[in-house]
Amino acid sequence: MKLLVSVVAALLAAAVSAAPAAARSYGSNGVFGVNAEAAAGWATAYIPPGRYRVDQAPSMPPYQSAPGSWVRCRAFPCGYSFGGNIIAVGHAIRDVPTFMDIAPSDAAVALYNVTLTPA
């Protein structure tokens, strides 16, 4: 019986340790630094380069959150008001998956009512 308990405990421990970690999400509003050197003094939160799924920020019925969008920037400050720093702009489409790529050379990403999850 002790052997059976030990085997079951070992199997459960292996199953728990093999469970995938939940993907970290970023959002739903704010500016995230990408390149630590470019973001020095500007950003307090960072997002690593990579491919991300873009989802509209959730809202509670019967209300809907404002349309979501994102801005990739080559320098700070980062946002719609700083056109000279913008690399690309994209929008979330409610109930439809969209994706974006963040390059290592990006300085920052500004999020407006969207959540990014590694793809």
C-alpha atoms as a PDB file:
ATOM      1  CA  MET A   1       0.000   0.000   0.000  1.00  0.00           C
ATOM      2  CA  LYS A   2       2.833   2.393   0.853  1.00  0.00           C
ATOM      3  CA  LEU A   3       4.385   1.666  -2.536  1.00  0.00           C
ATOM      4  CA  LEU A   4       1.097   2.449  -4.288  1.00  0.00           C
ATOM      5  CA  VAL A   5       0.760   5.762  -2.405  1.00  0.00           C
ATOM      6  CA  SER A   6       4.345   6.669  -3.281  1.00  0.00           C
ATOM      7  CA  VAL A   7       3.797   5.883  -6.961  1.00  0.00           C
ATOM      8  CA  VAL A   8       0.561   7.894  -7.091  1.00  0.00           C
ATOM      9  CA  ALA A   9       2.224  10.836  -5.316  1.00  0.00           C
ATOM     10  CA  ALA A  10       5.132  10.737  -7.768  1.00  0.00           C
ATOM     11  CA  LEU A  11       2.781  10.647 -10.762  1.00  0.00           C
ATOM     12  CA  LEU A  12       0.756  13.589  -9.430  1.00  0.00           C
ATOM     13  CA  ALA A  13       3.913  15.593  -8.757  1.00  0.00           C
ATOM     14  CA  ALA A  14       5.138  14.926 -12.305  1.00  0.00           C
ATOM     15  CA  ALA A  15       1.779  15.938 -13.780  1.00  0.00           C
ATOM     16  CA  VAL A  16       1.707  19.202 -11.832  1.00  0.00           C
ATOM     17  CA  SER A  17       5.286  20.119 -12.729  1.00  0.00           C
ATOM     18  CA  ALA A  18       4.625  19.345 -16.414  1.00  0.00           C
ATOM     19  CA  ALA A  19       1.625  21.683 -16.602  1.00  0.00           C
ATOM     20  CA  PRO A  20       2.334  24.623 -18.930  1.00  0.00           C
ATOM     21  CA  ALA A  21       2.715  28.027 -17.333  1.00  0.00           C
ATOM     22  CA  ALA A  22       0.004  30.539 -18.150  1.00  0.00           C
ATOM     23  CA  ALA A  23       1.100  33.044 -20.794  1.00  0.00           C
ATOM     24  CA  ARG A  24       1.645  36.512 -19.408  1.00  0.00           C
ATOM     25  CA  SER A  25      -0.599  39.175 -20.876  1.00  0.00           C
ATOM     26  CA  TYR A  26       0.032  42.909 -21.188  1.00  0.00           C
ATOM     27  CA  GLY A  27      -2.544  45.659 -21.189  1.00  0.00           C
ATOM     28  CA  SER A  28      -4.981  47.057 -21.394  1.00  0.00           C
ATOM     29  CA  ASN A  29      -3.791  50.665 -21.363  1.00  0.00           C
ATOM     30  CA  GLY A  30      -0.344  52.194 -21.047  1.00  0.00           C
ATOM     31  CA  VAL A  31       3.108  52.451 -22.555  1.00  0.00           C
ATOM     32  CA  PHE A  32       5.486  49.503 -22.302  1.00  0.00           C
ATOM     33  CA  GLY A  33       9.202  49.828 -22.968  1.00  0.00           C
ATOM     34  CA  VAL A  34      10.749  47.275 -25.335  1.00  0.00           C
ATOM     35  CA  ASN A  35      14.390  48.312 -25.588  1.00  0.00           C
ATOM     36  CA  ALA A  36      15.697  48.972 -22.058  1.00  0.00           C
ATOM     37  CA  GLU A  37      18.350  51.411 -23.284  1.00  0.00           C
ATOM     38  CA  ALA A  38      15.863  53.497 -25.293  1.00  0.00           C
ATOM     39  CA  ALA A  39      13.303  53.358 -22.471  1.00  0.00           C
ATOM     40  CA  ALA A  40      15.640  54.486 -19.693  1.00  0.00           C
ATOM     41  CA  GLY A  41      13.854  57.137 -17.659  1.00  0.00           C
ATOM     42  CA  TRP A  42      10.621  56.752 -19.645  1.00  0.00           C
ATOM     43  CA  ALA A  43       9.206  53.292 -18.901  1.00  0.00           C
ATOM     44  CA  THR A  44       8.496  51.408 -15.694  1.00  0.00           C
ATOM     45  CA  ALA A  45       6.984  48.327 -17.387  1.00  0.00           C
ATOM     46  CA  TYR A  46       8.472  46.301 -20.219  1.00  0.00           C
ATOM     47  CA  ILE A  47       7.273  43.867 -22.882  1.00  0.00           C
ATOM     48  CA  PRO A  48       9.697  41.541 -24.666  1.00  0.00           C
ATOM     49  CA  PRO A  49       9.940  41.512 -28.463  1.00  0.00           C
ATOM     50  CA  GLY A  50       7.909  38.828 -30.210  1.00  0.00           C
ATOM     51  CA  ARG A  51       4.571  37.989 -31.827  1.00  0.00           C
ATOM     52  CA  TYR A  52       1.431  38.825 -29.843  1.00  0.00           C
ATOM     53  CA  ARG A  53      -2.263  38.167 -30.144  1.00  0.00           C
ATOM     54  CA  VAL A  54      -4.244  41.418 -29.839  1.00  0.00           C
ATOM     55  CA  ASP A  55      -7.606  41.248 -28.066  1.00  0.00           C
ATOM     56  CA  GLN A  56     -10.111  43.979 -27.359  1.00  0.00           C
ATOM     57  CA  ALA A  57     -10.107  44.820 -23.638  1.00  0.00           C
ATOM     58  CA  PRO A  58     -12.991  43.067 -21.909  1.00  0.00           C
ATOM     59  CA  SER A  59     -16.093  44.914 -20.805  1.00  0.00           C
ATOM     60  CA  MET A  60     -19.188  43.991 -18.835  1.00  0.00           C
ATOM     61  CA  PRO A  61     -22.561  43.654 -20.597  1.00  0.00           C
ATOM     62  CA  PRO A  62     -24.487  45.621 -21.660  1.00  0.00           C
ATOM     63  CA  TYR A  63     -21.576  48.016 -22.160  1.00  0.00           C
ATOM     64  CA  GLN A  64     -18.744  47.681 -24.643  1.00  0.00           C
ATOM     65  CA  SER A  65     -15.286  49.090 -24.116  1.00  0.00           C
ATOM     66  CA  ALA A  66     -14.011  51.724 -26.509  1.00  0.00           C
ATOM     67  CA  PRO A  67     -12.379  50.411 -29.707  1.00  0.00           C
ATOM     68  CA  GLY A  68      -8.840  49.210 -28.962  1.00  0.00           C
ATOM     69  CA  SER A  69      -5.598  49.998 -30.749  1.00  0.00           C
ATOM     70  CA  TRP A  70      -1.824  49.836 -30.386  1.00  0.00           C
ATOM     71  CA  VAL A  71       1.125  51.966 -31.485  1.00  0.00           C
ATOM     72  CA  ARG A  72       4.722  50.770 -32.021  1.00  0.00           C
ATOM     73  CA  CYS A  73       7.323  53.510 -31.532  1.00  0.00           C
ATOM     74  CA  ARG A  74      10.970  53.991 -32.490  1.00  0.00           C
ATOM     75  CA  ALA A  75      11.590  56.491 -29.665  1.00  0.00           C
ATOM     76  CA  PHE A  76       9.969  58.119 -26.651  1.00  0.00           C
ATOM     77  CA  PRO A  77       7.531  59.681 -26.099  1.00  0.00           C
ATOM     78  CA  CYS A  78       5.258  57.000 -27.569  1.00  0.00           C
ATOM     79  CA  GLY A  79       1.631  57.539 -28.611  1.00  0.00           C
ATOM     80  CA  TYR A  80      -0.677  58.929 -31.264  1.00  0.00           C
ATOM     81  CA  SER A  81       0.374  62.496 -30.458  1.00  0.00           C
ATOM     82  CA  PHE A  82       3.996  61.825 -31.436  1.00  0.00           C
ATOM     83  CA  GLY A  83       3.762  60.973 -35.147  1.00  0.00           C
ATOM     84  CA  GLY A  84       7.490  61.238 -35.754  1.00  0.00           C
ATOM     85  CA  ASN A  85       8.103  58.359 -33.349  1.00  0.00           C
ATOM     86  CA  ILE A  86       5.443  55.978 -34.735  1.00  0.00           C
ATOM     87  CA  ILE A  87       6.540  52.845 -36.612  1.00  0.00           C
ATOM     88  CA  ALA A  88       3.119  51.179 -36.966  1.00  0.00           C
ATOM     89  CA  VAL A  89      -0.483  51.406 -35.739  1.00  0.00           C
ATOM     90  CA  GLY A  90      -3.066  48.653 -35.494  1.00  0.00           C
ATOM     91  CA  HIS A  91      -6.563  48.076 -34.180  1.00  0.00           C
ATOM     92  CA  ALA A  92      -8.254  45.285 -32.298  1.00  0.00           C
ATOM     93  CA  ILE A  93     -11.309  43.858 -33.992  1.00  0.00           C
ATOM     94  CA  ARG A  94     -13.921  42.735 -31.494  1.00  0.00           C
ATOM     95  CA  ASP A  95     -14.405  38.938 -31.520  1.00  0.00           C
ATOM     96  CA  VAL A  96     -11.733  38.411 -34.208  1.00  0.00           C
ATOM     97  CA  PRO A  97      -8.124  37.501 -33.398  1.00  0.00           C
ATOM     98  CA  THR A  98      -5.517  39.904 -34.728  1.00  0.00           C
ATOM     99  CA  PHE A  99      -1.758  39.780 -34.275  1.00  0.00           C
ATOM    100  CA  MET A 100       1.190  42.166 -34.044  1.00  0.00           C
ATOM    101  CA  ASP A 101       4.958  41.779 -34.030  1.00  0.00           C
ATOM    102  CA  ILE A 102       7.211  43.757 -31.693  1.00  0.00           C
ATOM    103  CA  ALA A 103      10.788  44.085 -32.980  1.00  0.00           C
ATOM    104  CA  PRO A 104      13.842  44.195 -30.692  1.00  0.00           C
ATOM    105  CA  SER A 105      14.668  47.611 -32.166  1.00  0.00           C
ATOM    106  CA  ASP A 106      11.317  49.109 -31.038  1.00  0.00           C
ATOM    107  CA  ALA A 107      11.617  51.571 -28.169  1.00  0.00           C
ATOM    108  CA  ALA A 108       8.059  51.165 -26.882  1.00  0.00           C
ATOM    109  CA  VAL A 109       4.497  50.023 -27.473  1.00  0.00           C
ATOM    110  CA  ALA A 110       1.463  52.093 -26.433  1.00  0.00           C
ATOM    111  CA  LEU A 111      -1.750  50.162 -25.749  1.00  0.00           C
ATOM    112  CA  TYR A 112      -5.258  51.610 -25.824  1.00  0.00           C
ATOM    113  CA  ASN A 113      -8.022  49.230 -24.614  1.00  0.00           C
ATOM    114  CA  VAL A 114      -6.221  46.102 -25.842  1.00  0.00           C
ATOM    115  CA  THR A 115      -4.569  43.105 -24.220  1.00  0.00           C
ATOM    116  CA  LEU A 116      -1.496  41.463 -25.757  1.00  0.00           C
ATOM    117  CA  THR A 117      -0.745  37.776 -25.166  1.00  0.00           C
ATOM    118  CA  PRO A 118       2.282  35.943 -26.609  1.00  0.00           C
ATOM    119  CA  ALA A 119       1.197  34.049 -29.734  1.00  0.00           C
END
